[in-house]
Structure formats: structure tokens, C-alpha cells
Amino acid sequence: MTLAQSAFHVPATILVGGGARREVVAQLQRLAIQRVLLVTDVGMMQLGPAREIAALLEEAGVSVTIFDGVQPDPTDKNVIDGLALYQSERCQALVAVGGGSPIDAAKAISVLTANSAPLSQYAGYHKIPKAGAPLITIPTTAGTGSEATKVSVITDTGRDVKMMILSVHLVPTVALVDYELTLSMPPALTAAVGVDTLTHGIEAYVSRKAHGMTDPLALSCIELVAKHLRTAYREPVNHEARAGMMLAACQGGMAFANSSVCLVHGMSRPIGAVFHVPHGLSNAVLLPTVTKFSWSASVERYATVARLLGCCPSQVADEHAAESLVEGLEQLNADLDVPRLRDCRGVEETRFRALLSKMAGDALASGSPQNNPRIPTAEEIVSLYEAAW
């Protein structure tokens, strides 16, 4: 845990529980908002959650413009298209409905309502000068925690690089965390975003920037995942399990956004940018391999994680406990049918091996690996990609 001064930023209002999504009208009325841009994707429109929110707003007399042009792993072009619609329809605020992609896109659109383009100038830490338009987030997956973070990850299409943007001005105004929206998630998505949530909790806890405000959230996130993820995977309509995972995702988001993510995320972003593997899945695939590389540099903390996950008896010595975590994470992925990297759709071996050096360089450039307990070289990252293959 760092002894340096640490900041802690979360949404001013977070409503958690079944039916929380229906509070969107009251929150907009409290903010005196009458015209909104609803940011979502085609899937959310087809499956119904975005249409439900739009209907709630329209019934209350709020003017709604729908932007459903967000793609998985959103791009700077998605953001520019959304911003143009926001401006042409004279909107006053944004409502994001969906997983991490619509929420991250909405955050970026929000800041560009008050700050000049291009978005790429804000990549990195604390570079956004002014707060943007108010944003209400309504997550539909128990995974990214983006509804409660000051982070947005957007692909720069010109450079084929995922930009990690971190700023207090990206923190949503309101988060409505409603587990009922996750009851229809298919098992494969439940697994990927569930291990993504676990990754957030673990990396927030072992990060070199962890501190006393983030540790309790990270540990609670890990404990909730241990209790509920396998059940949510096996029993999709189990309300207790879904509620537990939704809370875990929000806590994990608050934790990592105020400490940091580490090597898993640093290596995950290039896989997403180059091969378009969903973020949660690439994190899940990499977690055991990166943990095997990292645990010796923070034995006590990885041992605590292992005990919370039930990987070993509580009385086992720290070193044996930490070492057991690797096998425990591999077993979790096996139980959830998480694939190897080679089995992920779109990851072709020849291109993968040709791009290893570029991906390793991009991973280091993101800044996240430098927060890892054991800081890797580019050559070590290449070896880790090969080990995850």
C-alpha cells in the first residue's frame, strides 16, 4: 500500500439494486435536464434495455435522441459521430446504456462537449481541462465497472492503438447499478465479464498505487466474485448471484480507477486493438499467466487473494498460498469455459507472432505494466503473450 497522498473519485450518486434503472427520470429531473443523448449499441436496442430507458424518458416528457452507433471496443470515430448528434440535437446531458463500450464512448463524448478535439490529446493521465456534460450510466453487464470510474478506453483508428484516458472529468454524474439488466446475459459473456471483474479487484489490490480507500473495495469485489460467479454462470436467473456480481463489478471499478490496473490490462489492450477480442475476455485469458509472473513480487497480497478465492486452506503459509492462486485461476477459467488465447475468434497465429513486439511495446506505452508488482521488460511481455497462447 502506498503511503503517498492519494485521490479518490467516484460518482456523486450511485444507486444499487433491482429496479435502479427506473430512477433515471428522477435523476434527470433533479439535474433539470430536458434533452438527452442516449448512447448505446445495436444489441441493446434489439434486446430491449435501451428501448425501455428511452420509453421511460419519453413518457416523462424528456426529449431523447438515440445514438446506437457504438461498436465493441469503441473508436474515436464512434465518439465523433456521437458528438455530432449531441450537438445537432442541442442535447444537455447523456445517458449511457450497455456494457463498457457504450459507457466509455459516452464519457468521451461528454468531455468533448466542453473540450476541443482531437480526443487523442487527452490520452494518459489528467489531461482533460474541463468537465463535460452530465452523464448517467446504466450498466447491463457485471464486468467493466465503467459506470463508476474516471477511465475511458477508446481505440485510435489512425494508430490502431487503444487509448487509456484517465481524468476526474470522466467520472459519471450518476450510476444506476441494476442487476436485473444482467439476468439475460448468456453464459459465455457472464464468464468473460465476471473474470474481468475479478481482474479489476486483484489488480487494484496488488497495484503499486493501492491505498487504504481502495483496498476494502478491491477485497470485497474479490470475495463477491468467489461467492457468486460460478453460480451466475450455471444459473443465469439466480437473482442473488446476479446482484452479487453486479455489486462486485461496481466495487472493482471504483477500486481500480482510484489505484490502477496493472499488467493484465496493459497486455489486454493491444489484443483488443489488433484482434478485436472483447476486453473482458482478453483479461480473463491473460489473468492466470500474468499472475504466475507477478505473485513473487507481492507474496502477502497475492496470498490474501488466494485465500479469499478458496484456492488454499487459510492456515497455509503466504508463499504457498500465493503460488496456489495460479492453479486456482486456471481452474476458474476451466470451470467457466474461458478459452485459451489461440482459441479466441479472430486471433490468427501467424499475425499474432508477427505483431508480438508491437503489442509488447504498446502494452508498456499504456503505463499500466509499470504499476504491476513485478515490472516487466518488453521481452518478458513477449514471453507472457507466448505463454498465454
Protein backbone atom coordinates (compact mmCIF):
# COMPACT_ATOMS: atom_id res chain seq x y z
CA MET A 1 0.00 0.00 0.00
CA THR A 2 1.33 3.40 -0.96
CA LEU A 3 1.94 5.94 1.82
CA ALA A 4 1.82 8.84 -0.60
CA GLN A 5 -1.14 11.18 -0.93
CA SER A 6 -3.93 9.50 -2.88
CA ALA A 7 -7.07 10.78 -4.59
CA PHE A 8 -10.43 9.02 -4.53
CA HIS A 9 -13.11 9.90 -7.10
CA VAL A 10 -16.46 8.16 -7.64
CA PRO A 11 -19.85 9.31 -8.98
CA ALA A 12 -21.67 11.70 -6.67
CA THR A 13 -24.73 9.43 -6.80
CA ILE A 14 -24.71 5.63 -7.06
CA LEU A 15 -28.00 3.74 -6.77
CA VAL A 16 -27.60 -0.04 -6.42
CA GLY A 17 -30.28 -2.73 -6.60
CA GLY A 18 -33.11 -4.22 -8.59
CA GLY A 19 -35.10 -1.55 -10.44
CA ALA A 20 -32.45 1.16 -10.05
CA ARG A 21 -32.63 1.85 -13.80
CA ARG A 22 -36.11 3.30 -13.35
CA GLU A 23 -34.66 6.14 -11.26
CA VAL A 24 -33.23 7.69 -14.42
CA VAL A 25 -36.18 10.07 -14.75
CA ALA A 26 -35.90 11.35 -11.19
CA GLN A 27 -32.16 11.89 -11.59
CA LEU A 28 -32.59 13.89 -14.80
CA GLN A 29 -35.33 15.96 -13.18
CA ARG A 30 -33.05 16.65 -10.22
CA LEU A 31 -30.43 17.91 -12.70
CA ALA A 32 -33.07 19.95 -14.62
CA ILE A 33 -32.28 18.12 -17.86
CA GLN A 34 -34.85 18.07 -20.67
CA ARG A 35 -32.88 16.92 -23.74
CA VAL A 36 -30.61 13.85 -23.68
CA LEU A 37 -28.48 11.78 -25.99
CA LEU A 38 -28.96 8.09 -25.20
CA VAL A 39 -25.68 6.32 -26.05
CA THR A 40 -25.94 2.59 -26.65
CA ASP A 41 -25.29 -0.10 -29.25
CA VAL A 42 -27.42 -2.02 -31.71
CA GLY A 43 -27.55 -5.07 -29.44
CA MET A 44 -29.00 -3.10 -26.54
CA MET A 45 -31.66 -1.71 -28.84
CA GLN A 46 -32.55 -5.18 -30.12
CA LEU A 47 -32.51 -6.82 -26.68
CA GLY A 48 -34.66 -4.09 -25.19
CA PRO A 49 -32.88 -2.32 -22.28
CA ALA A 50 -32.10 0.80 -24.29
CA ARG A 51 -35.63 0.93 -25.70
CA GLU A 52 -37.02 0.60 -22.16
CA ILE A 53 -34.96 3.52 -20.90
CA ALA A 54 -35.87 5.64 -23.93
CA ALA A 55 -39.56 4.91 -23.32
CA LEU A 56 -39.28 5.87 -19.63
CA LEU A 57 -37.73 9.18 -20.58
CA GLU A 58 -40.20 9.96 -23.35
CA GLU A 59 -43.15 9.19 -21.08
CA ALA A 60 -41.75 11.73 -18.62
CA GLY A 61 -41.51 14.39 -21.32
CA VAL A 62 -37.74 14.20 -21.81
CA SER A 63 -36.59 14.65 -25.41
CA VAL A 64 -34.47 11.61 -26.35
CA THR A 65 -32.06 11.26 -29.26
CA ILE A 66 -30.70 7.74 -29.67
CA PHE A 67 -27.13 7.11 -30.77
CA ASP A 68 -26.66 3.35 -31.20
CA GLY A 69 -23.51 3.54 -33.32
CA VAL A 70 -21.09 2.34 -30.64
CA GLN A 71 -19.12 -0.76 -31.61
CA PRO A 72 -17.37 -3.22 -29.29
CA ASP A 73 -14.10 -1.59 -28.23
CA PRO A 74 -15.33 1.88 -29.22
CA THR A 75 -13.33 4.05 -31.57
CA ASP A 76 -12.58 7.73 -31.89
CA LYS A 77 -14.87 7.73 -34.93
CA ASN A 78 -17.78 6.46 -32.79
CA VAL A 79 -17.11 9.32 -30.38
CA ILE A 80 -17.06 11.96 -33.13
CA ASP A 81 -20.30 10.61 -34.62
CA GLY A 82 -22.00 10.71 -31.22
CA LEU A 83 -20.74 14.20 -30.51
CA ALA A 84 -22.09 15.48 -33.82
CA LEU A 85 -25.53 14.11 -32.98
CA TYR A 86 -25.38 15.56 -29.46
CA GLN A 87 -24.62 19.00 -30.86
CA SER A 88 -27.07 18.91 -33.74
CA GLU A 89 -29.94 17.94 -31.43
CA ARG A 90 -28.92 20.50 -28.79
CA CYS A 91 -28.75 17.91 -26.02
CA GLN A 92 -27.98 18.84 -22.43
CA ALA A 93 -26.80 15.52 -21.00
CA LEU A 94 -26.03 11.90 -21.85
CA VAL A 95 -27.50 8.60 -20.68
CA ALA A 96 -25.34 5.53 -21.42
CA VAL A 97 -27.00 2.10 -21.53
CA GLY A 98 -24.93 -1.04 -22.09
CA GLY A 99 -21.59 -2.58 -21.26
CA GLY A 100 -18.25 -0.86 -21.06
CA SER A 101 -18.23 0.15 -24.71
CA PRO A 102 -21.27 2.48 -24.72
CA ILE A 103 -20.30 3.85 -21.31
CA ASP A 104 -16.70 4.59 -22.33
CA ALA A 105 -17.92 6.19 -25.57
CA ALA A 106 -20.42 8.34 -23.67
CA LYS A 107 -17.69 9.53 -21.30
CA ALA A 108 -15.56 10.59 -24.25
CA ILE A 109 -18.49 12.33 -25.96
CA SER A 110 -19.23 14.15 -22.70
CA VAL A 111 -15.73 15.60 -22.34
CA LEU A 112 -15.66 16.71 -25.99
CA THR A 113 -18.80 18.78 -25.41
CA ALA A 114 -16.58 21.11 -23.36
CA ASN A 115 -13.05 20.43 -24.63
CA SER A 116 -11.58 20.67 -28.11
CA ALA A 117 -10.88 17.68 -30.36
CA PRO A 118 -8.96 15.51 -31.09
CA LEU A 119 -9.58 13.04 -28.31
CA SER A 120 -6.05 11.66 -28.66
CA GLN A 121 -4.53 14.72 -26.95
CA TYR A 122 -6.14 13.57 -23.68
CA ALA A 123 -4.69 10.04 -23.71
CA GLY A 124 -2.86 9.31 -20.49
CA TYR A 125 -3.39 10.82 -17.07
CA HIS A 126 -5.17 14.03 -16.02
CA LYS A 127 -5.01 15.89 -19.33
CA ILE A 128 -8.68 16.95 -19.70
CA PRO A 129 -9.05 20.65 -18.76
CA LYS A 130 -12.80 20.93 -18.15
CA ALA A 131 -15.77 18.82 -17.09
CA GLY A 132 -18.17 17.90 -19.86
CA ALA A 133 -21.94 17.40 -19.99
CA PRO A 134 -23.68 15.47 -17.19
CA LEU A 135 -23.67 11.70 -17.70
CA ILE A 136 -25.92 9.00 -16.23
CA THR A 137 -24.61 5.45 -16.66
CA ILE A 138 -26.79 2.33 -16.65
CA PRO A 139 -24.59 -0.79 -16.99
CA THR A 140 -26.04 -4.00 -18.41
CA THR A 141 -23.06 -6.30 -17.78
CA ALA A 142 -21.48 -7.13 -14.42
CA GLY A 143 -17.97 -6.62 -15.68
CA THR A 144 -16.17 -3.42 -16.57
CA GLY A 145 -17.23 -1.22 -13.66
CA SER A 146 -17.02 1.69 -16.11
CA GLU A 147 -20.20 3.16 -14.64
CA ALA A 148 -18.17 4.26 -11.60
CA THR A 149 -14.70 5.05 -12.98
CA LYS A 150 -12.69 8.02 -14.21
CA VAL A 151 -11.33 5.98 -17.11
CA SER A 152 -12.31 5.66 -20.76
CA VAL A 153 -10.61 3.34 -23.24
CA ILE A 154 -11.07 4.37 -26.88
CA THR A 155 -9.34 2.97 -29.97
CA ASP A 156 -7.37 5.47 -32.02
CA THR A 157 -8.16 4.19 -35.52
CA GLY A 158 -5.29 6.09 -37.10
CA ARG A 159 -2.67 4.31 -34.98
CA ASP A 160 -4.57 1.07 -34.24
CA VAL A 161 -3.93 1.66 -30.52
CA LYS A 162 -6.28 1.62 -27.56
CA MET A 163 -6.00 4.94 -25.74
CA MET A 164 -6.35 4.82 -21.97
CA ILE A 165 -7.68 8.17 -20.80
CA LEU A 166 -7.88 8.88 -17.06
CA SER A 167 -9.29 12.07 -15.58
CA VAL A 168 -11.63 13.12 -12.80
CA HIS A 169 -13.69 14.78 -15.56
CA LEU A 170 -14.60 11.31 -16.86
CA VAL A 171 -16.39 10.30 -13.65
CA PRO A 172 -20.12 9.90 -14.41
CA THR A 173 -22.56 12.14 -12.60
CA VAL A 174 -24.89 9.28 -11.64
CA ALA A 175 -24.56 5.49 -11.80
CA LEU A 176 -27.70 3.32 -11.74
CA VAL A 177 -26.48 -0.20 -10.96
CA ASP A 178 -29.40 -2.58 -11.61
CA TYR A 179 -28.62 -6.30 -11.58
CA GLU A 180 -31.94 -7.09 -13.27
CA LEU A 181 -30.40 -5.95 -16.54
CA THR A 182 -27.88 -8.82 -16.35
CA LEU A 183 -30.40 -11.67 -15.99
CA SER A 184 -30.44 -12.30 -19.73
CA MET A 185 -26.65 -12.38 -20.20
CA PRO A 186 -25.54 -15.63 -21.89
CA PRO A 187 -23.08 -17.89 -20.03
CA ALA A 188 -20.04 -17.04 -22.17
CA LEU A 189 -20.48 -13.31 -21.57
CA THR A 190 -21.18 -13.90 -17.87
CA ALA A 191 -17.88 -15.80 -17.64
CA ALA A 192 -15.74 -13.27 -19.51
CA VAL A 193 -17.01 -10.16 -17.76
CA GLY A 194 -17.04 -12.00 -14.42
CA VAL A 195 -13.33 -12.81 -14.65
CA ASP A 196 -12.81 -9.24 -15.88
CA THR A 197 -14.39 -8.06 -12.62
CA LEU A 198 -12.08 -10.36 -10.68
CA THR A 199 -9.11 -8.96 -12.59
CA HIS A 200 -10.11 -5.46 -11.54
CA GLY A 201 -10.29 -6.47 -7.90
CA ILE A 202 -6.97 -8.30 -7.96
CA GLU A 203 -5.06 -5.65 -9.90
CA ALA A 204 -6.45 -2.83 -7.75
CA TYR A 205 -5.29 -4.71 -4.64
CA VAL A 206 -1.77 -5.68 -5.78
CA SER A 207 -1.10 -2.42 -7.64
CA ARG A 208 1.84 -0.28 -6.57
CA LYS A 209 -0.74 2.54 -6.24
CA ALA A 210 -3.16 0.66 -3.95
CA HIS A 211 -4.14 2.58 -0.82
CA GLY A 212 -6.43 2.50 2.18
CA MET A 213 -9.51 3.74 0.34
CA THR A 214 -9.25 1.20 -2.48
CA ASP A 215 -8.22 -1.92 -0.55
CA PRO A 216 -11.61 -2.57 1.11
CA LEU A 217 -13.43 -2.21 -2.22
CA ALA A 218 -10.96 -4.48 -4.00
CA LEU A 219 -11.17 -7.18 -1.34
CA SER A 220 -14.97 -7.05 -1.25
CA CYS A 221 -15.02 -7.34 -5.05
CA ILE A 222 -12.82 -10.45 -4.92
CA GLU A 223 -14.90 -12.03 -2.16
CA LEU A 224 -18.17 -11.41 -4.02
CA VAL A 225 -16.77 -12.98 -7.19
CA ALA A 226 -15.64 -16.03 -5.22
CA LYS A 227 -19.13 -16.42 -3.81
CA HIS A 228 -21.26 -15.69 -6.86
CA LEU A 229 -19.53 -16.05 -10.25
CA ARG A 230 -19.81 -19.80 -10.74
CA THR A 231 -23.47 -19.68 -9.66
CA ALA A 232 -24.25 -16.81 -12.04
CA TYR A 233 -22.63 -18.83 -14.82
CA ARG A 234 -24.57 -22.04 -14.06
CA GLU A 235 -27.85 -20.40 -13.03
CA PRO A 236 -28.36 -17.27 -15.14
CA VAL A 237 -31.60 -16.20 -13.44
CA ASN A 238 -30.28 -16.60 -9.89
CA HIS A 239 -31.05 -13.12 -8.53
CA GLU A 240 -28.70 -13.31 -5.55
CA ALA A 241 -25.75 -14.32 -7.73
CA ARG A 242 -26.51 -11.66 -10.34
CA ALA A 243 -26.88 -8.98 -7.67
CA GLY A 244 -23.60 -10.06 -6.08
CA MET A 245 -21.71 -9.90 -9.36
CA MET A 246 -23.20 -6.51 -10.25
CA LEU A 247 -22.07 -5.11 -6.91
CA ALA A 248 -18.64 -6.72 -7.36
CA ALA A 249 -18.26 -5.08 -10.78
CA CYS A 250 -19.09 -1.64 -9.41
CA GLN A 251 -16.75 -2.05 -6.45
CA GLY A 252 -13.97 -3.33 -8.70
CA GLY A 253 -14.40 -0.31 -10.94
CA MET A 254 -14.21 2.12 -8.04
CA ALA A 255 -11.14 0.32 -6.71
CA PHE A 256 -9.02 0.14 -9.85
CA ALA A 257 -9.92 3.63 -11.04
CA ASN A 258 -8.50 5.04 -7.81
CA SER A 259 -5.44 2.81 -7.54
CA SER A 260 -4.70 1.46 -11.00
CA VAL A 261 -4.82 -1.57 -13.22
CA CYS A 262 -1.58 -3.38 -13.93
CA LEU A 263 0.00 -5.79 -16.37
CA VAL A 264 -3.10 -7.80 -17.35
CA HIS A 265 -4.78 -4.68 -18.67
CA GLY A 266 -1.61 -3.40 -20.28
CA MET A 267 -1.30 -6.63 -22.28
CA SER A 268 -5.02 -6.90 -22.92
CA ARG A 269 -5.45 -3.60 -24.74
CA PRO A 270 -3.20 -4.45 -27.72
CA ILE A 271 -5.04 -7.76 -28.18
CA GLY A 272 -8.30 -5.83 -28.35
CA ALA A 273 -6.92 -3.14 -30.65
CA VAL A 274 -5.31 -5.56 -33.11
CA PHE A 275 -7.54 -8.64 -32.99
CA HIS A 276 -10.77 -7.13 -31.62
CA VAL A 277 -11.06 -9.68 -28.83
CA PRO A 278 -13.57 -8.25 -26.29
CA HIS A 279 -11.80 -6.56 -23.40
CA GLY A 280 -13.26 -8.75 -20.67
CA LEU A 281 -12.37 -11.95 -22.50
CA SER A 282 -8.78 -10.93 -23.18
CA ASN A 283 -8.34 -10.02 -19.49
CA ALA A 284 -9.76 -13.39 -18.46
CA VAL A 285 -7.45 -15.24 -20.84
CA LEU A 286 -4.35 -13.43 -19.56
CA LEU A 287 -5.05 -13.40 -15.81
CA PRO A 288 -3.52 -16.79 -14.82
CA THR A 289 -0.39 -16.28 -16.94
CA VAL A 290 0.27 -12.77 -15.62
CA THR A 291 -0.40 -13.86 -12.05
CA LYS A 292 2.20 -16.63 -12.37
CA PHE A 293 4.72 -13.99 -13.48
CA SER A 294 3.80 -11.46 -10.78
CA TRP A 295 2.99 -13.16 -7.48
CA SER A 296 6.56 -13.46 -6.17
CA ALA A 297 6.83 -9.65 -6.05
CA SER A 298 3.86 -9.23 -3.69
CA VAL A 299 3.55 -12.52 -1.85
CA GLU A 300 1.41 -11.35 1.06
CA ARG A 301 -1.18 -9.64 -1.11
CA TYR A 302 -1.48 -12.46 -3.63
CA ALA A 303 -1.79 -14.87 -0.68
CA THR A 304 -4.70 -12.84 0.65
CA VAL A 305 -6.39 -13.05 -2.77
CA ALA A 306 -5.83 -16.81 -2.91
CA ARG A 307 -7.45 -17.31 0.50
CA LEU A 308 -10.45 -15.17 -0.43
CA LEU A 309 -10.94 -17.24 -3.58
CA GLY A 310 -10.65 -20.50 -1.67
CA CYS A 311 -7.56 -21.64 -3.55
CA CYS A 312 -5.91 -22.95 -0.39
CA PRO A 313 -6.60 -23.59 3.32
CA SER A 314 -6.50 -20.40 5.38
CA GLN A 315 -3.57 -21.56 7.52
CA VAL A 316 -1.21 -22.19 4.59
CA ALA A 317 1.94 -20.06 4.56
CA ASP A 318 1.85 -16.97 2.37
CA GLU A 319 4.24 -18.25 -0.30
CA HIS A 320 2.34 -21.49 -0.80
CA ALA A 321 -0.96 -19.60 -0.77
CA ALA A 322 0.21 -17.12 -3.40
CA GLU A 323 1.54 -19.91 -5.58
CA SER A 324 -1.79 -21.76 -5.31
CA LEU A 325 -3.56 -18.76 -6.81
CA VAL A 326 -2.25 -19.55 -10.29
CA GLU A 327 -3.79 -23.02 -10.29
CA GLY A 328 -6.98 -21.62 -8.77
CA LEU A 329 -7.35 -19.07 -11.55
CA GLU A 330 -6.67 -21.71 -14.19
CA GLN A 331 -9.37 -23.88 -12.63
CA LEU A 332 -11.81 -20.98 -12.55
CA ASN A 333 -11.26 -20.36 -16.26
CA ALA A 334 -11.74 -24.08 -16.93
CA ASP A 335 -14.97 -24.15 -14.89
CA LEU A 336 -16.25 -21.17 -16.89
CA ASP A 337 -15.08 -22.48 -20.27
CA VAL A 338 -12.85 -19.45 -20.84
CA PRO A 339 -10.75 -20.27 -23.95
CA ARG A 340 -7.01 -20.07 -24.47
CA LEU A 341 -5.79 -17.12 -26.49
CA ARG A 342 -5.29 -19.36 -29.53
CA ASP A 343 -8.98 -20.27 -29.43
CA CYS A 344 -10.34 -16.72 -29.36
CA ARG A 345 -12.12 -15.72 -32.53
CA GLY A 346 -10.01 -13.61 -34.87
CA VAL A 347 -6.61 -14.36 -33.30
CA GLU A 348 -4.64 -15.87 -36.17
CA GLU A 349 -1.28 -17.37 -35.18
CA THR A 350 0.92 -16.03 -37.98
CA ARG A 351 -0.27 -12.46 -37.48
CA PHE A 352 -0.14 -12.86 -33.69
CA ARG A 353 3.52 -13.87 -33.76
CA ALA A 354 4.39 -11.18 -36.29
CA LEU A 355 2.91 -8.50 -34.02
CA LEU A 356 4.30 -9.67 -30.67
CA SER A 357 6.93 -6.92 -30.47
CA LYS A 358 4.44 -4.20 -31.40
CA MET A 359 1.92 -5.44 -28.84
CA ALA A 360 4.58 -5.59 -26.13
CA GLY A 361 5.65 -2.04 -26.93
CA ASP A 362 2.05 -0.80 -26.93
CA ALA A 363 1.43 -2.56 -23.62
CA LEU A 364 4.37 -0.78 -21.98
CA ALA A 365 3.40 2.53 -23.54
CA SER A 366 -0.03 2.34 -21.90
CA GLY A 367 1.58 2.86 -18.50
CA SER A 368 -0.31 0.08 -16.74
CA PRO A 369 2.50 -2.52 -16.57
CA GLN A 370 4.58 -0.04 -14.56
CA ASN A 371 2.03 -0.35 -11.72
CA ASN A 372 2.46 -4.14 -11.57
CA PRO A 373 4.18 -5.65 -8.52
CA ARG A 374 6.80 -7.09 -10.88
CA ILE A 375 7.51 -4.66 -13.71
CA PRO A 376 8.23 -6.49 -16.99
CA THR A 377 10.54 -5.73 -19.85
CA ALA A 378 9.26 -5.78 -23.42
CA GLU A 379 10.96 -9.15 -23.91
CA GLU A 380 9.19 -10.57 -20.85
CA ILE A 381 5.84 -9.35 -22.17
CA VAL A 382 6.51 -11.14 -25.45
CA SER A 383 7.21 -14.31 -23.47
CA LEU A 384 3.98 -13.86 -21.50
CA TYR A 385 1.95 -13.49 -24.69
CA GLU A 386 3.54 -16.70 -25.94
CA ALA A 387 2.78 -18.47 -22.64
CA ALA A 388 -0.89 -17.39 -22.86
CA TRP A 389 -1.12 -18.65 -26.44
